């Protein structure tokens, strides 16, 4: 039983390391170079819509 636990732990560690490499590779290929600019006005517009829009029945 002790040998089975050791094999299981080794296999799980191998799977986790492989998963880390795959996720890192996917991030490197698809996400690394994308830049997003965020300014305070756009965030405020998303979270606090102007009162005139809600008064006219326009939903964001």
N, C-alpha and C. Protein backbone atom coordinates (compact mmCIF):
# COMPACT_ATOMS: atom_id res chain seq x y z
N UNK A 1 0.83 -1.20 0.00
CA UNK A 1 0.00 0.00 0.00
C UNK A 1 0.87 1.26 0.00
N UNK A 2 1.99 1.22 0.68
CA UNK A 2 2.87 2.37 0.75
C UNK A 2 3.45 2.70 -0.63
N UNK A 3 3.78 1.68 -1.41
CA UNK A 3 4.33 1.87 -2.75
C UNK A 3 3.28 2.49 -3.67
N UNK A 4 2.01 2.09 -3.50
CA UNK A 4 0.93 2.64 -4.31
C UNK A 4 0.75 4.12 -4.03
N UNK A 5 0.85 4.53 -2.78
CA UNK A 5 0.73 5.95 -2.43
C UNK A 5 1.88 6.77 -3.02
N UNK A 6 3.07 6.22 -2.99
CA UNK A 6 4.22 6.93 -3.53
C UNK A 6 4.08 7.11 -5.04
N UNK A 7 3.59 6.08 -5.72
CA UNK A 7 3.38 6.15 -7.16
C UNK A 7 2.29 7.17 -7.49
N UNK A 8 1.23 7.18 -6.70
CA UNK A 8 0.14 8.12 -6.91
C UNK A 8 0.62 9.56 -6.75
N UNK A 9 1.39 9.81 -5.72
CA UNK A 9 1.92 11.17 -5.48
C UNK A 9 2.83 11.59 -6.62
N UNK A 10 3.67 10.68 -7.09
CA UNK A 10 4.57 11.01 -8.20
C UNK A 10 3.79 11.31 -9.47
N UNK A 11 2.76 10.52 -9.75
CA UNK A 11 1.94 10.76 -10.94
C UNK A 11 1.17 12.07 -10.85
N UNK A 12 0.64 12.37 -9.70
CA UNK A 12 -0.07 13.64 -9.53
C UNK A 12 0.87 14.83 -9.67
N UNK A 13 2.06 14.72 -9.13
CA UNK A 13 3.04 15.80 -9.27
C UNK A 13 3.42 15.99 -10.73
N UNK A 14 3.58 14.91 -11.45
CA UNK A 14 3.90 14.99 -12.88
C UNK A 14 2.78 15.66 -13.66
N UNK A 15 1.55 15.29 -13.37
CA UNK A 15 0.41 15.90 -14.06
C UNK A 15 0.33 17.39 -13.75
N UNK A 16 0.55 17.77 -12.50
CA UNK A 16 0.49 19.20 -12.14
C UNK A 16 1.60 20.00 -12.81
N UNK A 17 2.78 19.43 -12.91
CA UNK A 17 3.88 20.13 -13.58
C UNK A 17 3.58 20.29 -15.07
N UNK A 18 3.07 19.23 -15.69
CA UNK A 18 2.70 19.31 -17.11
C UNK A 18 1.60 20.35 -17.33
N UNK A 19 0.63 20.38 -16.45
CA UNK A 19 -0.45 21.35 -16.55
C UNK A 19 0.09 22.78 -16.42
N UNK A 20 1.01 22.98 -15.52
CA UNK A 20 1.63 24.30 -15.36
C UNK A 20 2.35 24.73 -16.63
N UNK A 21 3.09 23.80 -17.25
CA UNK A 21 3.78 24.12 -18.49
C UNK A 21 2.80 24.44 -19.63
N UNK A 22 1.73 23.67 -19.73
CA UNK A 22 0.74 23.91 -20.78
C UNK A 22 0.05 25.26 -20.59
N UNK A 23 -0.36 25.55 -19.36
CA UNK A 23 -1.01 26.83 -19.10
C UNK A 23 -0.05 28.00 -19.32
N UNK A 24 1.20 27.84 -18.94
CA UNK A 24 2.19 28.89 -19.18
C UNK A 24 2.40 29.11 -20.67
N UNK A 25 2.44 28.03 -21.43
CA UNK A 25 2.60 28.15 -22.88
C UNK A 25 1.41 28.83 -23.53
N UNK A 26 0.21 28.47 -23.10
CA UNK A 26 -0.99 29.12 -23.65
C UNK A 26 -1.00 30.61 -23.31
N UNK A 27 -0.63 30.95 -22.08
CA UNK A 27 -0.58 32.36 -21.71
C UNK A 27 0.46 33.08 -22.56
N UNK A 28 1.62 32.46 -22.74
CA UNK A 28 2.70 33.07 -23.51
C UNK A 28 2.26 33.34 -24.94
N UNK A 29 1.51 32.44 -25.54
CA UNK A 29 1.11 32.58 -26.94
C UNK A 29 -0.04 33.57 -27.10
N UNK A 30 -1.05 33.52 -26.23
CA UNK A 30 -2.27 34.27 -26.47
C UNK A 30 -2.42 35.55 -25.66
N UNK A 31 -1.84 35.65 -24.49
CA UNK A 31 -2.15 36.77 -23.59
C UNK A 31 -0.99 37.73 -23.40
N UNK A 32 0.22 37.28 -23.53
CA UNK A 32 1.41 38.05 -23.14
C UNK A 32 1.48 39.43 -23.76
N UNK A 33 1.18 39.56 -25.04
CA UNK A 33 1.38 40.84 -25.73
C UNK A 33 0.16 41.75 -25.75
N UNK A 34 -0.94 41.32 -25.19
CA UNK A 34 -2.13 42.17 -25.21
C UNK A 34 -2.05 43.22 -24.11
N UNK A 35 -2.27 44.44 -24.51
CA UNK A 35 -2.24 45.56 -23.57
C UNK A 35 -3.64 46.17 -23.48
N UNK A 36 -4.07 46.47 -22.28
CA UNK A 36 -5.36 47.08 -22.06
C UNK A 36 -5.15 48.36 -21.28
N UNK A 37 -5.68 49.43 -21.83
CA UNK A 37 -5.57 50.70 -21.11
C UNK A 37 -6.87 50.94 -20.34
N UNK A 38 -6.72 51.29 -19.10
CA UNK A 38 -7.87 51.54 -18.24
C UNK A 38 -7.69 52.91 -17.62
N UNK A 39 -8.71 53.74 -17.77
CA UNK A 39 -8.65 55.04 -17.12
C UNK A 39 -9.84 55.18 -16.18
N UNK A 40 -9.74 56.11 -15.29
CA UNK A 40 -10.77 56.30 -14.27
C UNK A 40 -12.13 56.65 -14.82
N UNK A 41 -12.18 57.41 -15.91
CA UNK A 41 -13.46 57.81 -16.47
C UNK A 41 -14.24 56.63 -17.04
N UNK A 42 -13.55 55.72 -17.71
CA UNK A 42 -14.25 54.56 -18.27
C UNK A 42 -14.75 53.63 -17.17
N UNK A 43 -13.98 53.48 -16.10
CA UNK A 43 -14.42 52.65 -14.98
C UNK A 43 -15.62 53.29 -14.30
N UNK A 44 -15.56 54.59 -14.09
CA UNK A 44 -16.67 55.29 -13.45
C UNK A 44 -17.92 55.20 -14.31
N UNK A 45 -17.79 55.27 -15.62
CA UNK A 45 -18.95 55.16 -16.50
C UNK A 45 -19.58 53.78 -16.42
N UNK A 46 -18.79 52.75 -16.21
CA UNK A 46 -19.32 51.39 -16.11
C UNK A 46 -20.06 51.18 -14.78
N UNK A 47 -19.49 51.68 -13.70
CA UNK A 47 -20.07 51.42 -12.39
C UNK A 47 -21.09 52.46 -11.94
N UNK A 48 -20.97 53.68 -12.42
CA UNK A 48 -21.86 54.75 -12.03
C UNK A 48 -22.41 55.45 -13.27
N UNK A 49 -23.42 54.88 -13.91
CA UNK A 49 -23.95 55.52 -15.12
C UNK A 49 -24.57 56.87 -14.77
N UNK A 50 -24.58 57.74 -15.75
CA UNK A 50 -25.12 59.08 -15.52
C UNK A 50 -26.61 59.00 -15.21
N UNK A 51 -27.09 59.92 -14.38
CA UNK A 51 -28.49 59.93 -13.97
C UNK A 51 -29.41 60.22 -15.14
N UNK A 52 -28.94 60.97 -16.15
CA UNK A 52 -29.79 61.31 -17.29
C UNK A 52 -30.13 60.08 -18.11
N UNK A 53 -29.24 59.13 -18.21
CA UNK A 53 -29.52 57.91 -18.97
C UNK A 53 -30.59 57.06 -18.28
N UNK A 54 -30.53 56.93 -16.96
CA UNK A 54 -31.51 56.11 -16.25
C UNK A 54 -32.85 56.82 -16.17
N UNK A 55 -32.87 58.15 -16.19
CA UNK A 55 -34.12 58.89 -16.12
C UNK A 55 -34.89 58.77 -17.44
N UNK A 56 -34.19 58.62 -18.55
CA UNK A 56 -34.84 58.51 -19.85
C UNK A 56 -35.23 57.08 -20.19
N UNK A 57 -34.97 56.14 -19.30
CA UNK A 57 -35.32 54.75 -19.55
C UNK A 57 -34.30 54.00 -20.37
N UNK A 58 -33.12 54.58 -20.54
CA UNK A 58 -32.05 53.92 -21.29
C UNK A 58 -31.23 53.11 -20.30
N UNK A 59 -31.12 51.82 -20.54
CA UNK A 59 -30.32 51.00 -19.64
C UNK A 59 -28.92 50.84 -20.23
N UNK A 60 -27.91 50.75 -19.38
CA UNK A 60 -26.53 50.65 -19.86
C UNK A 60 -26.23 49.32 -20.50
